Amino acid sequence: MDPGAFLCVDLLLAPMESTNRLVPASAMGMLWLQTHFDDEHWDELSRGLVALSPSCSESLIADALEAGLKVNRIPSFAQAALPQIEQRQQQS
């Protein structure tokens, strides 16, 4: 897979045990998530802290792709990137 493909992703799903962690990866991805989740979940969504069941993940992916978003489920990349994302979030 082309490494440049990671630069144009709107949503990233990272497997975490029996769930998938949802990480917004672009402004478009973040804005799209606002239309799909209640306001009370927005803080967790914006920080990539939401875990979805596999069936919810599949439904969300289908909706996002239909809306024209770019979605990636890349376990090795996602698992490597999440600690860096969490570290940046703790610093801010």
PDB file of N, CA and C in Angstrom:
ATOM      1  N   MET A   1       0.846  -1.186   0.000  1.00  0.00           N
ATOM      2  CA  MET A   1       0.000   0.000   0.000  1.00  0.00           C
ATOM      3  C   MET A   1       0.885   1.241   0.000  1.00  0.00           C
ATOM      4  N   ASP A   2       0.445   2.256  -0.702  1.00  0.00           N
ATOM      5  CA  ASP A   2       1.172   3.514  -0.817  1.00  0.00           C
ATOM      6  C   ASP A   2       1.172   4.262   0.516  1.00  0.00           C
ATOM      7  N   PRO A   3       2.355   4.569   1.105  1.00  0.00           N
ATOM      8  CA  PRO A   3       2.394   5.300   2.375  1.00  0.00           C
ATOM      9  C   PRO A   3       1.701   6.649   2.299  1.00  0.00           C
ATOM     10  N   GLY A   4       1.657   7.266   1.127  1.00  0.00           N
ATOM     11  CA  GLY A   4       0.974   8.543   0.978  1.00  0.00           C
ATOM     12  C   GLY A   4      -0.524   8.439   1.189  1.00  0.00           C
ATOM     13  N   ALA A   5      -1.069   7.227   1.107  1.00  0.00           N
ATOM     14  CA  ALA A   5      -2.507   7.038   1.309  1.00  0.00           C
ATOM     15  C   ALA A   5      -2.930   7.418   2.719  1.00  0.00           C
ATOM     16  N   PHE A   6      -2.020   7.325   3.678  1.00  0.00           N
ATOM     17  CA  PHE A   6      -2.351   7.659   5.060  1.00  0.00           C
ATOM     18  C   PHE A   6      -2.582   9.149   5.248  1.00  0.00           C
ATOM     19  N   LEU A   7      -2.062   9.969   4.347  1.00  0.00           N
ATOM     20  CA  LEU A   7      -2.175  11.407   4.495  1.00  0.00           C
ATOM     21  C   LEU A   7      -3.559  11.920   4.139  1.00  0.00           C
ATOM     22  N   CYS A   8      -4.346  11.134   3.454  1.00  0.00           N
ATOM     23  CA  CYS A   8      -5.663  11.573   2.977  1.00  0.00           C
ATOM     24  C   CYS A   8      -6.782  10.776   3.622  1.00  0.00           C
ATOM     25  N   VAL A   9      -6.684  10.501   4.890  1.00  0.00           N
ATOM     26  CA  VAL A   9      -7.685   9.709   5.593  1.00  0.00           C
ATOM     27  C   VAL A   9      -8.536  10.637   6.455  1.00  0.00           C
ATOM     28  N   ASP A  10      -9.854  10.414   6.443  1.00  0.00           N
ATOM     29  CA  ASP A  10     -10.755  11.204   7.273  1.00  0.00           C
ATOM     30  C   ASP A  10     -11.049  10.532   8.607  1.00  0.00           C
ATOM     31  N   LEU A  11     -11.193   9.213   8.586  1.00  0.00           N
ATOM     32  CA  LEU A  11     -11.468   8.446   9.799  1.00  0.00           C
ATOM     33  C   LEU A  11     -10.560   7.231   9.847  1.00  0.00           C
ATOM     34  N   LEU A  12     -10.105   6.909  11.034  1.00  0.00           N
ATOM     35  CA  LEU A  12      -9.252   5.748  11.241  1.00  0.00           C
ATOM     36  C   LEU A  12      -9.912   4.863  12.283  1.00  0.00           C
ATOM     37  N   LEU A  13      -9.984   3.567  12.008  1.00  0.00           N
ATOM     38  CA  LEU A  13     -10.501   2.606  12.975  1.00  0.00           C
ATOM     39  C   LEU A  13      -9.372   1.679  13.386  1.00  0.00           C
ATOM     40  N   ALA A  14      -9.128   1.631  14.683  1.00  0.00           N
ATOM     41  CA  ALA A  14      -8.049   0.818  15.223  1.00  0.00           C
ATOM     42  C   ALA A  14      -8.631  -0.267  16.118  1.00  0.00           C
ATOM     43  N   PRO A  15      -8.346  -1.540  15.834  1.00  0.00           N
ATOM     44  CA  PRO A  15      -8.864  -2.612  16.682  1.00  0.00           C
ATOM     45  C   PRO A  15      -8.256  -2.553  18.079  1.00  0.00           C
ATOM     46  N   MET A  16      -9.128  -2.632  19.071  1.00  0.00           N
ATOM     47  CA  MET A  16      -8.711  -2.625  20.471  1.00  0.00           C
ATOM     48  C   MET A  16      -9.505  -3.720  21.180  1.00  0.00           C
ATOM     49  N   GLU A  17      -8.881  -4.863  21.378  1.00  0.00           N
ATOM     50  CA  GLU A  17      -9.533  -6.030  21.964  1.00  0.00           C
ATOM     51  C   GLU A  17     -10.774  -6.391  21.155  1.00  0.00           C
ATOM     52  N   SER A  18     -11.976  -6.274  21.718  1.00  0.00           N
ATOM     53  CA  SER A  18     -13.188  -6.685  20.992  1.00  0.00           C
ATOM     54  C   SER A  18     -13.940  -5.502  20.386  1.00  0.00           C
ATOM     55  N   THR A  19     -13.331  -4.316  20.392  1.00  0.00           N
ATOM     56  CA  THR A  19     -13.968  -3.127  19.824  1.00  0.00           C
ATOM     57  C   THR A  19     -13.031  -2.467  18.818  1.00  0.00           C
ATOM     58  N   ASN A  20     -13.515  -1.422  18.204  1.00  0.00           N
ATOM     59  CA  ASN A  20     -12.702  -0.619  17.295  1.00  0.00           C
ATOM     60  C   ASN A  20     -12.682   0.809  17.808  1.00  0.00           C
ATOM     61  N   ARG A  21     -11.502   1.348  17.938  1.00  0.00           N
ATOM     62  CA  ARG A  21     -11.360   2.727  18.386  1.00  0.00           C
ATOM     63  C   ARG A  21     -11.495   3.640  17.176  1.00  0.00           C
ATOM     64  N   LEU A  22     -12.332   4.654  17.304  1.00  0.00           N
ATOM     65  CA  LEU A  22     -12.612   5.585  16.222  1.00  0.00           C
ATOM     66  C   LEU A  22     -11.774   6.842  16.409  1.00  0.00           C
ATOM     67  N   VAL A  23     -10.936   7.140  15.421  1.00  0.00           N
ATOM     68  CA  VAL A  23     -10.043   8.297  15.499  1.00  0.00           C
ATOM     69  C   VAL A  23     -10.310   9.210  14.306  1.00  0.00           C
ATOM     70  N   PRO A  24     -10.795  10.434  14.556  1.00  0.00           N
ATOM     71  CA  PRO A  24     -10.935  11.373  13.442  1.00  0.00           C
ATOM     72  C   PRO A  24      -9.552  11.797  12.973  1.00  0.00           C
ATOM     73  N   ALA A  25      -9.331  11.762  11.665  1.00  0.00           N
ATOM     74  CA  ALA A  25      -7.997  12.045  11.137  1.00  0.00           C
ATOM     75  C   ALA A  25      -7.958  13.286  10.254  1.00  0.00           C
ATOM     76  N   SER A  26      -9.096  13.960  10.110  1.00  0.00           N
ATOM     77  CA  SER A  26      -9.132  15.192   9.322  1.00  0.00           C
ATOM     78  C   SER A  26     -10.263  16.071   9.844  1.00  0.00           C
ATOM     79  N   ALA A  27     -10.238  17.322   9.442  1.00  0.00           N
ATOM     80  CA  ALA A  27     -11.330  18.227   9.816  1.00  0.00           C
ATOM     81  C   ALA A  27     -12.650  17.723   9.240  1.00  0.00           C
ATOM     82  N   MET A  28     -12.619  17.212   8.018  1.00  0.00           N
ATOM     83  CA  MET A  28     -13.834  16.673   7.405  1.00  0.00           C
ATOM     84  C   MET A  28     -14.367  15.495   8.218  1.00  0.00           C
ATOM     85  N   GLY A  29     -13.476  14.625   8.655  1.00  0.00           N
ATOM     86  CA  GLY A  29     -13.894  13.496   9.481  1.00  0.00           C
ATOM     87  C   GLY A  29     -14.516  13.950  10.790  1.00  0.00           C
ATOM     88  N   MET A  30     -13.914  14.949  11.419  1.00  0.00           N
ATOM     89  CA  MET A  30     -14.448  15.464  12.678  1.00  0.00           C
ATOM     90  C   MET A  30     -15.824  16.097  12.470  1.00  0.00           C
ATOM     91  N   LEU A  31     -15.969  16.886  11.419  1.00  0.00           N
ATOM     92  CA  LEU A  31     -17.262  17.517  11.142  1.00  0.00           C
ATOM     93  C   LEU A  31     -18.332  16.477  10.839  1.00  0.00           C
ATOM     94  N   TRP A  32     -17.967  15.460  10.082  1.00  0.00           N
ATOM     95  CA  TRP A  32     -18.924  14.409   9.755  1.00  0.00           C
ATOM     96  C   TRP A  32     -19.377  13.679  11.017  1.00  0.00           C
ATOM     97  N   LEU A  33     -18.447  13.416  11.935  1.00  0.00           N
ATOM     98  CA  LEU A  33     -18.808  12.732  13.177  1.00  0.00           C
ATOM     99  C   LEU A  33     -19.799  13.545  14.002  1.00  0.00           C
ATOM    100  N   GLN A  34     -19.684  14.871  13.949  1.00  0.00           N
ATOM    101  CA  GLN A  34     -20.619  15.723  14.692  1.00  0.00           C
ATOM    102  C   GLN A  34     -22.057  15.493  14.247  1.00  0.00           C
ATOM    103  N   THR A  35     -22.248  15.121  12.998  1.00  0.00           N
ATOM    104  CA  THR A  35     -23.607  14.906  12.496  1.00  0.00           C
ATOM    105  C   THR A  35     -24.146  13.525  12.854  1.00  0.00           C
ATOM    106  N   HIS A  36     -23.300  12.655  13.378  1.00  0.00           N
ATOM    107  CA  HIS A  36     -23.712  11.283  13.665  1.00  0.00           C
ATOM    108  C   HIS A  36     -23.761  10.931  15.148  1.00  0.00           C
ATOM    109  N   PHE A  37     -23.248  11.804  15.992  1.00  0.00           N
ATOM    110  CA  PHE A  37     -23.219  11.516  17.422  1.00  0.00           C
ATOM    111  C   PHE A  37     -23.763  12.701  18.205  1.00  0.00           C
ATOM    112  N   ASP A  38     -24.368  12.420  19.353  1.00  0.00           N
ATOM    113  CA  ASP A  38     -24.903  13.468  20.219  1.00  0.00           C
ATOM    114  C   ASP A  38     -23.782  14.341  20.773  1.00  0.00           C
ATOM    115  N   ASP A  39     -24.144  15.566  21.141  1.00  0.00           N
ATOM    116  CA  ASP A  39     -23.174  16.529  21.662  1.00  0.00           C
ATOM    117  C   ASP A  39     -22.399  16.007  22.870  1.00  0.00           C
ATOM    118  N   GLU A  40     -23.045  15.212  23.713  1.00  0.00           N
ATOM    119  CA  GLU A  40     -22.379  14.739  24.930  1.00  0.00           C
ATOM    120  C   GLU A  40     -21.187  13.820  24.635  1.00  0.00           C
ATOM    121  N   HIS A  41     -21.110  13.288  23.417  1.00  0.00           N
ATOM    122  CA  HIS A  41     -20.002  12.403  23.050  1.00  0.00           C
ATOM    123  C   HIS A  41     -18.891  13.131  22.294  1.00  0.00           C
ATOM    124  N   TRP A  42     -19.100  14.397  21.995  1.00  0.00           N
ATOM    125  CA  TRP A  42     -18.171  15.096  21.114  1.00  0.00           C
ATOM    126  C   TRP A  42     -16.760  15.195  21.683  1.00  0.00           C
ATOM    127  N   ASP A  43     -16.609  15.456  22.971  1.00  0.00           N
ATOM    128  CA  ASP A  43     -15.268  15.577  23.549  1.00  0.00           C
ATOM    129  C   ASP A  43     -14.472  14.290  23.343  1.00  0.00           C
ATOM    130  N   GLU A  44     -15.091  13.153  23.651  1.00  0.00           N
ATOM    131  CA  GLU A  44     -14.415  11.863  23.470  1.00  0.00           C
ATOM    132  C   GLU A  44     -14.143  11.584  21.995  1.00  0.00           C
ATOM    133  N   LEU A  45     -15.101  11.924  21.140  1.00  0.00           N
ATOM    134  CA  LEU A  45     -14.909  11.724  19.698  1.00  0.00           C
ATOM    135  C   LEU A  45     -13.725  12.525  19.180  1.00  0.00           C
ATOM    136  N   SER A  46     -13.642  13.779  19.571  1.00  0.00           N
ATOM    137  CA  SER A  46     -12.583  14.645  19.049  1.00  0.00           C
ATOM    138  C   SER A  46     -11.203  14.203  19.508  1.00  0.00           C
ATOM    139  N   ARG A  47     -11.141  13.467  20.612  1.00  0.00           N
ATOM    140  CA  ARG A  47      -9.853  12.988  21.121  1.00  0.00           C
ATOM    141  C   ARG A  47      -9.569  11.537  20.744  1.00  0.00           C
ATOM    142  N   GLY A  48     -10.445  10.938  19.947  1.00  0.00           N
ATOM    143  CA  GLY A  48     -10.219   9.561  19.512  1.00  0.00           C
ATOM    144  C   GLY A  48     -10.392   8.544  20.610  1.00  0.00           C
ATOM    145  N   LEU A  49     -11.294   8.811  21.558  1.00  0.00           N
ATOM    146  CA  LEU A  49     -11.470   7.927  22.707  1.00  0.00           C
ATOM    147  C   LEU A  49     -12.725   7.066  22.643  1.00  0.00           C
ATOM    148  N   VAL A  50     -13.408   7.061  21.509  1.00  0.00           N
ATOM    149  CA  VAL A  50     -14.648   6.295  21.378  1.00  0.00           C
ATOM    150  C   VAL A  50     -14.348   4.902  20.838  1.00  0.00           C
ATOM    151  N   ALA A  51     -14.913   3.896  21.508  1.00  0.00           N
ATOM    152  CA  ALA A  51     -14.779   2.509  21.062  1.00  0.00           C
ATOM    153  C   ALA A  51     -16.137   2.035  20.553  1.00  0.00           C
ATOM    154  N   LEU A  52     -16.140   1.425  19.388  1.00  0.00           N
ATOM    155  CA  LEU A  52     -17.367   0.937  18.765  1.00  0.00           C
ATOM    156  C   LEU A  52     -17.323  -0.578  18.624  1.00  0.00           C
ATOM    157  N   SER A  53     -18.483  -1.198  18.730  1.00  0.00           N
ATOM    158  CA  SER A  53     -18.563  -2.635  18.478  1.00  0.00           C
ATOM    159  C   SER A  53     -18.272  -2.880  17.002  1.00  0.00           C
ATOM    160  N   PRO A  54     -17.886  -4.100  16.650  1.00  0.00           N
ATOM    161  CA  PRO A  54     -17.628  -4.389  15.233  1.00  0.00           C
ATOM    162  C   PRO A  54     -18.829  -4.085  14.334  1.00  0.00           C
ATOM    163  N   SER A  55     -20.048  -4.406  14.780  1.00  0.00           N
ATOM    164  CA  SER A  55     -21.217  -4.140  13.931  1.00  0.00           C
ATOM    165  C   SER A  55     -21.463  -2.639  13.783  1.00  0.00           C
ATOM    166  N   CYS A  56     -21.288  -1.865  14.850  1.00  0.00           N
ATOM    167  CA  CYS A  56     -21.426  -0.402  14.750  1.00  0.00           C
ATOM    168  C   CYS A  56     -20.333   0.172  13.853  1.00  0.00           C
ATOM    169  N   SER A  57     -19.140  -0.390  13.948  1.00  0.00           N
ATOM    170  CA  SER A  57     -18.034   0.072  13.106  1.00  0.00           C
ATOM    171  C   SER A  57     -18.357  -0.123  11.634  1.00  0.00           C
ATOM    172  N   GLU A  58     -18.885  -1.295  11.295  1.00  0.00           N
ATOM    173  CA  GLU A  58     -19.220  -1.580   9.900  1.00  0.00           C
ATOM    174  C   GLU A  58     -20.293  -0.628   9.385  1.00  0.00           C
ATOM    175  N   SER A  59     -21.286  -0.361  10.211  1.00  0.00           N
ATOM    176  CA  SER A  59     -22.356   0.558   9.823  1.00  0.00           C
ATOM    177  C   SER A  59     -21.813   1.971   9.632  1.00  0.00           C
ATOM    178  N   LEU A  60     -20.965   2.408  10.553  1.00  0.00           N
ATOM    179  CA  LEU A  60     -20.374   3.741  10.459  1.00  0.00           C
ATOM    180  C   LEU A  60     -19.486   3.859   9.224  1.00  0.00           C
ATOM    181  N   ILE A  61     -18.705   2.828   8.939  1.00  0.00           N
ATOM    182  CA  ILE A  61     -17.840   2.834   7.756  1.00  0.00           C
ATOM    183  C   ILE A  61     -18.680   2.945   6.486  1.00  0.00           C
ATOM    184  N   ALA A  62     -19.751   2.172   6.416  1.00  0.00           N
ATOM    185  CA  ALA A  62     -20.616   2.217   5.229  1.00  0.00           C
ATOM    186  C   ALA A  62     -21.193   3.617   5.036  1.00  0.00           C
ATOM    187  N   ASP A  63     -21.667   4.232   6.123  1.00  0.00           N
ATOM    188  CA  ASP A  63     -22.217   5.589   6.035  1.00  0.00           C
ATOM    189  C   ASP A  63     -21.151   6.593   5.613  1.00  0.00           C
ATOM    190  N   ALA A  64     -19.968   6.468   6.205  1.00  0.00           N
ATOM    191  CA  ALA A  64     -18.882   7.407   5.896  1.00  0.00           C
ATOM    192  C   ALA A  64     -18.445   7.283   4.438  1.00  0.00           C
ATOM    193  N   LEU A  65     -18.307   6.068   3.959  1.00  0.00           N
ATOM    194  CA  LEU A  65     -17.912   5.869   2.563  1.00  0.00           C
ATOM    195  C   LEU A  65     -18.973   6.395   1.609  1.00  0.00           C
ATOM    196  N   GLU A  66     -20.235   6.183   1.960  1.00  0.00           N
ATOM    197  CA  GLU A  66     -21.328   6.691   1.128  1.00  0.00           C
ATOM    198  C   GLU A  66     -21.306   8.222   1.076  1.00  0.00           C
ATOM    199  N   ALA A  67     -20.861   8.848   2.167  1.00  0.00           N
ATOM    200  CA  ALA A  67     -20.772  10.313   2.225  1.00  0.00           C
ATOM    201  C   ALA A  67     -19.509  10.845   1.548  1.00  0.00           C
ATOM    202  N   GLY A  68     -18.639   9.938   1.092  1.00  0.00           N
ATOM    203  CA  GLY A  68     -17.434  10.364   0.382  1.00  0.00           C
ATOM    204  C   GLY A  68     -16.199  10.501   1.249  1.00  0.00           C
ATOM    205  N   LEU A  69     -16.278  10.081   2.512  1.00  0.00           N
ATOM    206  CA  LEU A  69     -15.107  10.147   3.379  1.00  0.00           C
ATOM    207  C   LEU A  69     -14.155   8.999   3.068  1.00  0.00           C
ATOM    208  N   LYS A  70     -12.906   9.190   3.423  1.00  0.00           N
ATOM    209  CA  LYS A  70     -11.891   8.148   3.275  1.00  0.00           C
ATOM    210  C   LYS A  70     -11.666   7.536   4.650  1.00  0.00           C
ATOM    211  N   VAL A  71     -11.829   6.221   4.718  1.00  0.00           N
ATOM    212  CA  VAL A  71     -11.739   5.495   5.978  1.00  0.00           C
ATOM    213  C   VAL A  71     -10.660   4.432   5.853  1.00  0.00           C
ATOM    214  N   ASN A  72      -9.839   4.295   6.877  1.00  0.00           N
ATOM    215  CA  ASN A  72      -8.818   3.248   6.896  1.00  0.00           C
ATOM    216  C   ASN A  72      -8.917   2.447   8.178  1.00  0.00           C
ATOM    217  N   ARG A  73      -8.765   1.140   8.019  1.00  0.00           N
ATOM    218  CA  ARG A  73      -8.625   0.231   9.155  1.00  0.00           C
ATOM    219  C   ARG A  73      -7.285  -0.457   8.968  1.00  0.00           C
ATOM    220  N   ILE A  74      -6.286   0.117   9.537  1.00  0.00           N
ATOM    221  CA  ILE A  74      -4.938  -0.414   9.353  1.00  0.00           C
ATOM    222  C   ILE A  74      -4.363  -0.710  10.735  1.00  0.00           C
ATOM    223  N   PRO A  75      -4.520  -1.930  11.217  1.00  0.00           N
ATOM    224  CA  PRO A  75      -4.132  -2.243  12.591  1.00  0.00           C
ATOM    225  C   PRO A  75      -2.703  -1.861  12.958  1.00  0.00           C
ATOM    226  N   SER A  76      -1.729  -2.201  12.149  1.00  0.00           N
ATOM    227  CA  SER A  76      -0.352  -1.909  12.555  1.00  0.00           C
ATOM    228  C   SER A  76      -0.103  -0.405  12.619  1.00  0.00           C
ATOM    229  N   PHE A  77      -0.602   0.350  11.647  1.00  0.00           N
ATOM    230  CA  PHE A  77      -0.440   1.802  11.656  1.00  0.00           C
ATOM    231  C   PHE A  77      -1.215   2.417  12.814  1.00  0.00           C
ATOM    232  N   ALA A  78      -2.458   1.973  12.995  1.00  0.00           N
ATOM    233  CA  ALA A  78      -3.307   2.543  14.036  1.00  0.00           C
ATOM    234  C   ALA A  78      -2.729   2.281  15.416  1.00  0.00           C
ATOM    235  N   GLN A  79      -2.297   1.068  15.661  1.00  0.00           N
ATOM    236  CA  GLN A  79      -1.766   0.746  16.974  1.00  0.00           C
ATOM    237  C   GLN A  79      -0.470   1.491  17.239  1.00  0.00           C
ATOM    238  N   ALA A  80       0.320   1.736  16.217  1.00  0.00           N
ATOM    239  CA  ALA A  80       1.556   2.492  16.394  1.00  0.00           C
ATOM    240  C   ALA A  80       1.272   3.971  16.600  1.00  0.00           C
ATOM    241  N   ALA A  81       0.237   4.498  15.947  1.00  0.00           N
ATOM    242  CA  ALA A  81      -0.058   5.931  16.016  1.00  0.00           C
ATOM    243  C   ALA A  81      -0.797   6.325  17.283  1.00  0.00           C
ATOM    244  N   LEU A  82      -1.593   5.435  17.854  1.00  0.00           N
ATOM    245  CA  LEU A  82      -2.416   5.810  18.998  1.00  0.00           C
ATOM    246  C   LEU A  82      -1.615   6.302  20.198  1.00  0.00           C
ATOM    247  N   PRO A  83      -0.510   5.672  20.587  1.00  0.00           N
ATOM    248  CA  PRO A  83       0.247   6.228  21.717  1.00  0.00           C
ATOM    249  C   PRO A  83       0.742   7.649  21.444  1.00  0.00           C
ATOM    250  N   GLN A  84       1.125   7.936  20.207  1.00  0.00           N
ATOM    251  CA  GLN A  84       1.571   9.288  19.864  1.00  0.00           C
ATOM    252  C   GLN A  84       0.414  10.266  19.941  1.00  0.00           C
ATOM    253  N   ILE A  85      -0.756   9.855  19.485  1.00  0.00           N
ATOM    254  CA  ILE A  85      -1.944  10.707  19.551  1.00  0.00           C
ATOM    255  C   ILE A  85      -2.286  10.981  21.009  1.00  0.00           C
ATOM    256  N   GLU A  86      -2.279   9.938  21.841  1.00  0.00           N
ATOM    257  CA  GLU A  86      -2.594  10.108  23.256  1.00  0.00           C
ATOM    258  C   GLU A  86      -1.577  11.029  23.929  1.00  0.00           C
ATOM    259  N   GLN A  87      -0.305  10.883  23.581  1.00  0.00           N
ATOM    260  CA  GLN A  87       0.728  11.730  24.172  1.00  0.00           C
ATOM    261  C   GLN A  87       0.493  13.190  23.798  1.00  0.00           C
ATOM    262  N   ARG A  88       0.159  13.461  22.538  1.00  0.00           N
ATOM    263  CA  ARG A  88      -0.129  14.838  22.108  1.00  0.00           C
ATOM    264  C   ARG A  88      -1.349  15.387  22.826  1.00  0.00           C
ATOM    265  N   GLN A  89      -2.356  14.541  23.043  1.00  0.00           N
ATOM    266  CA  GLN A  89      -3.569  14.990  23.724  1.00  0.00           C
ATOM    267  C   GLN A  89      -3.274  15.332  25.180  1.00  0.00           C
ATOM    268  N   GLN A  90      -2.407  14.574  25.820  1.00  0.00           N
ATOM    269  CA  GLN A  90      -2.058  14.845  27.208  1.00  0.00           C
ATOM    270  C   GLN A  90      -1.240  16.122  27.334  1.00  0.00           C
ATOM    271  N   GLN A  91      -0.461  16.443  26.306  1.00  0.00           N
ATOM    272  CA  GLN A  91       0.357  17.649  26.331  1.00  0.00           C
ATOM    273  C   GLN A  91      -0.475  18.900  26.118  1.00  0.00           C
ATOM    274  N   SER A  92      -1.632  18.748  25.454  1.00  0.00           N
ATOM    275  CA  SER A  92      -2.442  19.948  25.174  1.00  0.00           C
ATOM    276  C   SER A  92      -3.452  20.229  26.252  1.00  0.00           C
TER     277      SER A  92
END
